């Protein structure tokens, strides 16, 4: 799933932390980075968030309710 135009990085990670299953960021090289890990959150987002927002992320969520939660965040910011 692609998530676009993230301007509230703290809110985004709050939603990720609320997910029950793994949420992985897919890097341009195809690597999967566990976004439930705080260290991974800080390291993987430092470069992408340098301009104040993230234009697009490619994510994989494994639980149906987590996918729904991320879609709701993307459309409603909740």
PDB file of N, CA and C in Angstrom:
ATOM      1  N   UNK A   1       0.846  -1.163   0.000  1.00  0.00           N
ATOM      2  CA  UNK A   1       0.000   0.000   0.000  1.00  0.00           C
ATOM      3  C   UNK A   1       0.889   1.221   0.000  1.00  0.00           C
ATOM      4  N   UNK A   2       0.446   2.228  -0.706  1.00  0.00           N
ATOM      5  CA  UNK A   2       1.186   3.491  -0.738  1.00  0.00           C
ATOM      6  C   UNK A   2       0.477   4.492   0.163  1.00  0.00           C
ATOM      7  N   UNK A   3       1.235   5.138   1.015  1.00  0.00           N
ATOM      8  CA  UNK A   3       0.739   6.212   1.872  1.00  0.00           C
ATOM      9  C   UNK A   3       1.402   7.482   1.358  1.00  0.00           C
ATOM     10  N   UNK A   4       0.610   8.547   1.187  1.00  0.00           N
ATOM     11  CA  UNK A   4       1.154   9.758   0.576  1.00  0.00           C
ATOM     12  C   UNK A   4       0.924  10.986   1.446  1.00  0.00           C
ATOM     13  N   UNK A   5       1.795  11.966   1.252  1.00  0.00           N
ATOM     14  CA  UNK A   5       1.685  13.300   1.854  1.00  0.00           C
ATOM     15  C   UNK A   5       1.530  13.276   3.371  1.00  0.00           C
ATOM     16  N   UNK A   6       2.469  12.665   4.044  1.00  0.00           N
ATOM     17  CA  UNK A   6       2.461  12.621   5.504  1.00  0.00           C
ATOM     18  C   UNK A   6       3.104  13.900   6.020  1.00  0.00           C
ATOM     19  N   UNK A   7       2.321  14.713   6.689  1.00  0.00           N
ATOM     20  CA  UNK A   7       2.845  15.956   7.257  1.00  0.00           C
ATOM     21  C   UNK A   7       2.972  15.868   8.772  1.00  0.00           C
ATOM     22  N   UNK A   8       2.240  14.960   9.395  1.00  0.00           N
ATOM     23  CA  UNK A   8       2.294  14.772  10.847  1.00  0.00           C
ATOM     24  C   UNK A   8       2.989  13.455  11.144  1.00  0.00           C
ATOM     25  N   UNK A   9       4.313  13.485  11.196  1.00  0.00           N
ATOM     26  CA  UNK A   9       5.088  12.255  11.375  1.00  0.00           C
ATOM     27  C   UNK A   9       4.797  11.609  12.722  1.00  0.00           C
ATOM     28  N   UNK A  10       4.593  12.418  13.759  1.00  0.00           N
ATOM     29  CA  UNK A  10       4.283  11.876  15.088  1.00  0.00           C
ATOM     30  C   UNK A  10       2.940  11.149  15.062  1.00  0.00           C
ATOM     31  N   UNK A  11       1.952  11.742  14.419  1.00  0.00           N
ATOM     32  CA  UNK A  11       0.643  11.108  14.279  1.00  0.00           C
ATOM     33  C   UNK A  11       0.718   9.821  13.477  1.00  0.00           C
ATOM     34  N   UNK A  12       1.533   9.817  12.435  1.00  0.00           N
ATOM     35  CA  UNK A  12       1.702   8.617  11.623  1.00  0.00           C
ATOM     36  C   UNK A  12       2.272   7.481  12.461  1.00  0.00           C
ATOM     37  N   UNK A  13       3.328   7.765  13.248  1.00  0.00           N
ATOM     38  CA  UNK A  13       3.929   6.710  14.057  1.00  0.00           C
ATOM     39  C   UNK A  13       3.003   6.270  15.190  1.00  0.00           C
ATOM     40  N   UNK A  14       2.146   7.159  15.649  1.00  0.00           N
ATOM     41  CA  UNK A  14       1.157   6.768  16.656  1.00  0.00           C
ATOM     42  C   UNK A  14       0.223   5.714  16.062  1.00  0.00           C
ATOM     43  N   UNK A  15      -0.216   5.934  14.827  1.00  0.00           N
ATOM     44  CA  UNK A  15      -1.067   4.959  14.145  1.00  0.00           C
ATOM     45  C   UNK A  15      -0.316   3.648  13.944  1.00  0.00           C
ATOM     46  N   UNK A  16       0.941   3.708  13.533  1.00  0.00           N
ATOM     47  CA  UNK A  16       1.746   2.500  13.346  1.00  0.00           C
ATOM     48  C   UNK A  16       1.868   1.751  14.673  1.00  0.00           C
ATOM     49  N   UNK A  17       2.123   2.468  15.761  1.00  0.00           N
ATOM     50  CA  UNK A  17       2.268   1.831  17.072  1.00  0.00           C
ATOM     51  C   UNK A  17       0.977   1.152  17.522  1.00  0.00           C
ATOM     52  N   UNK A  18      -0.170   1.666  17.091  1.00  0.00           N
ATOM     53  CA  UNK A  18      -1.467   1.081  17.452  1.00  0.00           C
ATOM     54  C   UNK A  18      -1.781  -0.190  16.659  1.00  0.00           C
ATOM     55  N   UNK A  19      -1.056  -0.439  15.602  1.00  0.00           N
ATOM     56  CA  UNK A  19      -1.298  -1.631  14.789  1.00  0.00           C
ATOM     57  C   UNK A  19      -0.929  -2.889  15.573  1.00  0.00           C
ATOM     58  N   UNK A  20      -1.713  -3.940  15.380  1.00  0.00           N
ATOM     59  CA  UNK A  20      -1.494  -5.189  16.111  1.00  0.00           C
ATOM     60  C   UNK A  20      -0.355  -6.014  15.517  1.00  0.00           C
ATOM     61  N   UNK A  21      -0.286  -6.042  14.206  1.00  0.00           N
ATOM     62  CA  UNK A  21       0.719  -6.854  13.538  1.00  0.00           C
ATOM     63  C   UNK A  21       1.873  -6.016  13.037  1.00  0.00           C
ATOM     64  N   UNK A  22       2.797  -6.645  12.326  1.00  0.00           N
ATOM     65  CA  UNK A  22       3.937  -5.928  11.769  1.00  0.00           C
ATOM     66  C   UNK A  22       3.506  -4.923  10.701  1.00  0.00           C
ATOM     67  N   UNK A  23       4.207  -3.812  10.671  1.00  0.00           N
ATOM     68  CA  UNK A  23       4.051  -2.811   9.610  1.00  0.00           C
ATOM     69  C   UNK A  23       5.462  -2.575   9.083  1.00  0.00           C
ATOM     70  N   UNK A  24       5.638  -2.814   7.803  1.00  0.00           N
ATOM     71  CA  UNK A  24       6.971  -2.734   7.224  1.00  0.00           C
ATOM     72  C   UNK A  24       7.032  -1.665   6.137  1.00  0.00           C
ATOM     73  N   UNK A  25       8.110  -0.917   6.150  1.00  0.00           N
ATOM     74  CA  UNK A  25       8.423   0.038   5.096  1.00  0.00           C
ATOM     75  C   UNK A  25       9.240  -0.703   4.054  1.00  0.00           C
ATOM     76  N   UNK A  26       8.853  -0.566   2.794  1.00  0.00           N
ATOM     77  CA  UNK A  26       9.611  -1.176   1.701  1.00  0.00           C
ATOM     78  C   UNK A  26      10.530  -0.100   1.125  1.00  0.00           C
ATOM     79  N   UNK A  27      11.824  -0.338   1.216  1.00  0.00           N
ATOM     80  CA  UNK A  27      12.789   0.631   0.708  1.00  0.00           C
ATOM     81  C   UNK A  27      12.836   0.563  -0.815  1.00  0.00           C
ATOM     82  N   UNK A  28      13.402   1.586  -1.463  1.00  0.00           N
ATOM     83  CA  UNK A  28      13.532   1.545  -2.930  1.00  0.00           C
ATOM     84  C   UNK A  28      14.325   0.331  -3.426  1.00  0.00           C
ATOM     85  N   UNK A  29      15.189  -0.213  -2.553  1.00  0.00           N
ATOM     86  CA  UNK A  29      15.982  -1.384  -2.929  1.00  0.00           C
ATOM     87  C   UNK A  29      15.231  -2.689  -2.680  1.00  0.00           C
ATOM     88  N   UNK A  30      14.037  -2.610  -2.059  1.00  0.00           N
ATOM     89  CA  UNK A  30      13.250  -3.803  -1.791  1.00  0.00           C
ATOM     90  C   UNK A  30      13.410  -4.351  -0.379  1.00  0.00           C
ATOM     91  N   UNK A  31      14.211  -3.688   0.451  1.00  0.00           N
ATOM     92  CA  UNK A  31      14.376  -4.131   1.836  1.00  0.00           C
ATOM     93  C   UNK A  31      13.106  -3.828   2.620  1.00  0.00           C
ATOM     94  N   UNK A  32      12.810  -4.665   3.618  1.00  0.00           N
ATOM     95  CA  UNK A  32      11.657  -4.454   4.501  1.00  0.00           C
ATOM     96  C   UNK A  32      12.162  -3.996   5.854  1.00  0.00           C
ATOM     97  N   UNK A  33      11.676  -2.838   6.285  1.00  0.00           N
ATOM     98  CA  UNK A  33      12.120  -2.236   7.544  1.00  0.00           C
ATOM     99  C   UNK A  33      10.931  -2.219   8.500  1.00  0.00           C
ATOM    100  N   UNK A  34      11.102  -2.810   9.676  1.00  0.00           N
ATOM    101  CA  UNK A  34      10.049  -2.909  10.672  1.00  0.00           C
ATOM    102  C   UNK A  34       9.777  -1.541  11.299  1.00  0.00           C
ATOM    103  N   UNK A  35       8.613  -0.963  11.011  1.00  0.00           N
ATOM    104  CA  UNK A  35       8.292   0.363  11.541  1.00  0.00           C
ATOM    105  C   UNK A  35       7.756   0.318  12.966  1.00  0.00           C
ATOM    106  N   UNK A  36       7.576  -0.868  13.533  1.00  0.00           N
ATOM    107  CA  UNK A  36       7.147  -0.953  14.926  1.00  0.00           C
ATOM    108  C   UNK A  36       8.345  -0.761  15.863  1.00  0.00           C
ATOM    109  N   UNK A  37       9.537  -0.811  15.342  1.00  0.00           N
ATOM    110  CA  UNK A  37      10.763  -0.587  16.111  1.00  0.00           C
ATOM    111  C   UNK A  37      11.069   0.911  16.144  1.00  0.00           C
ATOM    112  N   UNK A  38      11.252   1.457  17.334  1.00  0.00           N
ATOM    113  CA  UNK A  38      11.566   2.889  17.463  1.00  0.00           C
ATOM    114  C   UNK A  38      12.858   3.244  16.738  1.00  0.00           C
ATOM    115  N   UNK A  39      13.866   2.421  16.870  1.00  0.00           N
ATOM    116  CA  UNK A  39      15.138   2.692  16.207  1.00  0.00           C
ATOM    117  C   UNK A  39      14.943   2.737  14.695  1.00  0.00           C
ATOM    118  N   UNK A  40      14.202   1.789  14.150  1.00  0.00           N
ATOM    119  CA  UNK A  40      13.929   1.786  12.714  1.00  0.00           C
ATOM    120  C   UNK A  40      13.149   3.023  12.299  1.00  0.00           C
ATOM    121  N   UNK A  41      12.195   3.452  13.148  1.00  0.00           N
ATOM    122  CA  UNK A  41      11.421   4.649  12.840  1.00  0.00           C
ATOM    123  C   UNK A  41      12.335   5.849  12.689  1.00  0.00           C
ATOM    124  N   UNK A  42      13.220   6.050  13.646  1.00  0.00           N
ATOM    125  CA  UNK A  42      14.093   7.219  13.611  1.00  0.00           C
ATOM    126  C   UNK A  42      15.082   7.153  12.452  1.00  0.00           C
ATOM    127  N   UNK A  43      15.691   6.005  12.260  1.00  0.00           N
ATOM    128  CA  UNK A  43      16.701   5.889  11.207  1.00  0.00           C
ATOM    129  C   UNK A  43      16.107   5.953   9.806  1.00  0.00           C
ATOM    130  N   UNK A  44      15.006   5.260   9.595  1.00  0.00           N
ATOM    131  CA  UNK A  44      14.454   5.206   8.239  1.00  0.00           C
ATOM    132  C   UNK A  44      13.781   6.507   7.827  1.00  0.00           C
ATOM    133  N   UNK A  45      13.284   7.278   8.781  1.00  0.00           N
ATOM    134  CA  UNK A  45      12.560   8.488   8.450  1.00  0.00           C
ATOM    135  C   UNK A  45      13.410   9.752   8.472  1.00  0.00           C
ATOM    136  N   UNK A  46      14.570   9.699   9.069  1.00  0.00           N
ATOM    137  CA  UNK A  46      15.401  10.902   9.191  1.00  0.00           C
ATOM    138  C   UNK A  46      15.646  11.557   7.837  1.00  0.00           C
ATOM    139  N   UNK A  47      16.042  10.794   6.868  1.00  0.00           N
ATOM    140  CA  UNK A  47      16.333  11.352   5.545  1.00  0.00           C
ATOM    141  C   UNK A  47      15.056  11.725   4.795  1.00  0.00           C
ATOM    142  N   UNK A  48      14.040  10.889   4.906  1.00  0.00           N
ATOM    143  CA  UNK A  48      12.809  11.131   4.148  1.00  0.00           C
ATOM    144  C   UNK A  48      12.035  12.334   4.658  1.00  0.00           C
ATOM    145  N   UNK A  49      12.155  12.654   5.944  1.00  0.00           N
ATOM    146  CA  UNK A  49      11.352  13.721   6.537  1.00  0.00           C
ATOM    147  C   UNK A  49      12.108  15.040   6.609  1.00  0.00           C
ATOM    148  N   UNK A  50      13.246  15.112   5.976  1.00  0.00           N
ATOM    149  CA  UNK A  50      14.090  16.296   6.095  1.00  0.00           C
ATOM    150  C   UNK A  50      13.447  17.564   5.529  1.00  0.00           C
ATOM    151  N   UNK A  51      12.499  17.440   4.625  1.00  0.00           N
ATOM    152  CA  UNK A  51      11.868  18.628   4.038  1.00  0.00           C
ATOM    153  C   UNK A  51      10.529  18.977   4.697  1.00  0.00           C
ATOM    154  N   UNK A  52      10.178  18.339   5.816  1.00  0.00           N
ATOM    155  CA  UNK A  52       8.963  18.678   6.547  1.00  0.00           C
ATOM    156  C   UNK A  52       7.761  17.788   6.278  1.00  0.00           C
ATOM    157  N   UNK A  53       7.841  16.958   5.259  1.00  0.00           N
ATOM    158  CA  UNK A  53       6.768  16.003   4.994  1.00  0.00           C
ATOM    159  C   UNK A  53       7.330  14.829   4.205  1.00  0.00           C
ATOM    160  N   UNK A  54       6.563  13.756   4.175  1.00  0.00           N
ATOM    161  CA  UNK A  54       6.945  12.581   3.388  1.00  0.00           C
ATOM    162  C   UNK A  54       5.957  12.483   2.236  1.00  0.00           C
ATOM    163  N   UNK A  55       6.453  12.530   1.022  1.00  0.00           N
ATOM    164  CA  UNK A  55       5.552  12.531  -0.129  1.00  0.00           C
ATOM    165  C   UNK A  55       4.916  11.155  -0.361  1.00  0.00           C
ATOM    166  N   UNK A  56       5.688  10.072  -0.160  1.00  0.00           N
ATOM    167  CA  UNK A  56       5.121   8.750  -0.413  1.00  0.00           C
ATOM    168  C   UNK A  56       5.928   7.669   0.292  1.00  0.00           C
ATOM    169  N   UNK A  57       5.205   6.702   0.877  1.00  0.00           N
ATOM    170  CA  UNK A  57       5.812   5.521   1.480  1.00  0.00           C
ATOM    171  C   UNK A  57       5.143   4.283   0.923  1.00  0.00           C
ATOM    172  N   UNK A  58       5.917   3.231   0.743  1.00  0.00           N
ATOM    173  CA  UNK A  58       5.362   1.944   0.349  1.00  0.00           C
ATOM    174  C   UNK A  58       5.393   1.058   1.595  1.00  0.00           C
ATOM    175  N   UNK A  59       4.200   0.687   2.106  1.00  0.00           N
ATOM    176  CA  UNK A  59       4.090  -0.071   3.344  1.00  0.00           C
ATOM    177  C   UNK A  59       3.436  -1.420   3.110  1.00  0.00           C
ATOM    178  N   UNK A  60       3.758  -2.364   4.000  1.00  0.00           N
ATOM    179  CA  UNK A  60       3.070  -3.642   4.056  1.00  0.00           C
ATOM    180  C   UNK A  60       2.581  -3.821   5.479  1.00  0.00           C
ATOM    181  N   UNK A  61       1.267  -4.007   5.627  1.00  0.00           N
ATOM    182  CA  UNK A  61       0.665  -4.335   6.919  1.00  0.00           C
ATOM    183  C   UNK A  61       0.057  -5.727   6.762  1.00  0.00           C
ATOM    184  N   UNK A  62       0.200  -6.566   7.785  1.00  0.00           N
ATOM    185  CA  UNK A  62      -0.202  -7.964   7.663  1.00  0.00           C
ATOM    186  C   UNK A  62      -1.596  -8.258   8.205  1.00  0.00           C
ATOM    187  N   UNK A  63      -2.135  -7.407   9.039  1.00  0.00           N
ATOM    188  CA  UNK A  63      -3.450  -7.617   9.629  1.00  0.00           C
ATOM    189  C   UNK A  63      -4.490  -6.736   8.932  1.00  0.00           C
ATOM    190  N   UNK A  64      -5.667  -7.309   8.675  1.00  0.00           N
ATOM    191  CA  UNK A  64      -6.731  -6.570   7.986  1.00  0.00           C
ATOM    192  C   UNK A  64      -7.080  -5.279   8.718  1.00  0.00           C
ATOM    193  N   UNK A  65      -7.223  -5.342  10.048  1.00  0.00           N
ATOM    194  CA  UNK A  65      -7.584  -4.133  10.794  1.00  0.00           C
ATOM    195  C   UNK A  65      -6.477  -3.089  10.761  1.00  0.00           C
ATOM    196  N   UNK A  66      -5.239  -3.527  10.635  1.00  0.00           N
ATOM    197  CA  UNK A  66      -4.125  -2.581  10.517  1.00  0.00           C
ATOM    198  C   UNK A  66      -4.163  -1.861   9.170  1.00  0.00           C
ATOM    199  N   UNK A  67      -4.491  -2.591   8.126  1.00  0.00           N
ATOM    200  CA  UNK A  67      -4.626  -1.982   6.800  1.00  0.00           C
ATOM    201  C   UNK A  67      -5.732  -0.931   6.832  1.00  0.00           C
ATOM    202  N   UNK A  68      -6.862  -1.295   7.442  1.00  0.00           N
ATOM    203  CA  UNK A  68      -7.975  -0.352   7.554  1.00  0.00           C
ATOM    204  C   UNK A  68      -7.582   0.878   8.374  1.00  0.00           C
ATOM    205  N   UNK A  69      -6.828   0.665   9.445  1.00  0.00           N
ATOM    206  CA  UNK A  69      -6.381   1.779  10.297  1.00  0.00           C
ATOM    207  C   UNK A  69      -5.472   2.723   9.508  1.00  0.00           C
ATOM    208  N   UNK A  70      -4.560   2.170   8.725  1.00  0.00           N
ATOM    209  CA  UNK A  70      -3.646   2.994   7.931  1.00  0.00           C
ATOM    210  C   UNK A  70      -4.385   3.744   6.819  1.00  0.00           C
ATOM    211  N   UNK A  71      -5.358   3.088   6.198  1.00  0.00           N
ATOM    212  CA  UNK A  71      -6.151   3.754   5.163  1.00  0.00           C
ATOM    213  C   UNK A  71      -6.953   4.896   5.780  1.00  0.00           C
ATOM    214  N   UNK A  72      -7.540   4.659   6.950  1.00  0.00           N
ATOM    215  CA  UNK A  72      -8.289   5.709   7.634  1.00  0.00           C
ATOM    216  C   UNK A  72      -7.375   6.895   7.949  1.00  0.00           C
ATOM    217  N   UNK A  73      -6.151   6.616   8.404  1.00  0.00           N
ATOM    218  CA  UNK A  73      -5.195   7.688   8.678  1.00  0.00           C
ATOM    219  C   UNK A  73      -4.903   8.482   7.396  1.00  0.00           C
ATOM    220  N   UNK A  74      -4.704   7.744   6.306  1.00  0.00           N
ATOM    221  CA  UNK A  74      -4.348   8.391   5.055  1.00  0.00           C
ATOM    222  C   UNK A  74      -5.465   9.342   4.579  1.00  0.00           C
ATOM    223  N   UNK A  75      -6.714   8.933   4.738  1.00  0.00           N
ATOM    224  CA  UNK A  75      -7.822   9.745   4.238  1.00  0.00           C
ATOM    225  C   UNK A  75      -8.358  10.751   5.248  1.00  0.00           C
ATOM    226  N   UNK A  76      -8.299  10.402   6.553  1.00  0.00           N
ATOM    227  CA  UNK A  76      -8.909  11.256   7.549  1.00  0.00           C
ATOM    228  C   UNK A  76      -7.907  11.865   8.516  1.00  0.00           C
ATOM    229  N   UNK A  77      -6.663  11.399   8.465  1.00  0.00           N
ATOM    230  CA  UNK A  77      -5.654  11.926   9.391  1.00  0.00           C
ATOM    231  C   UNK A  77      -5.850  11.484  10.819  1.00  0.00           C
ATOM    232  N   UNK A  78      -6.536  10.337  11.023  1.00  0.00           N
ATOM    233  CA  UNK A  78      -6.795   9.820  12.372  1.00  0.00           C
ATOM    234  C   UNK A  78      -6.114   8.502  12.574  1.00  0.00           C
TER     235      UNK A  78
END
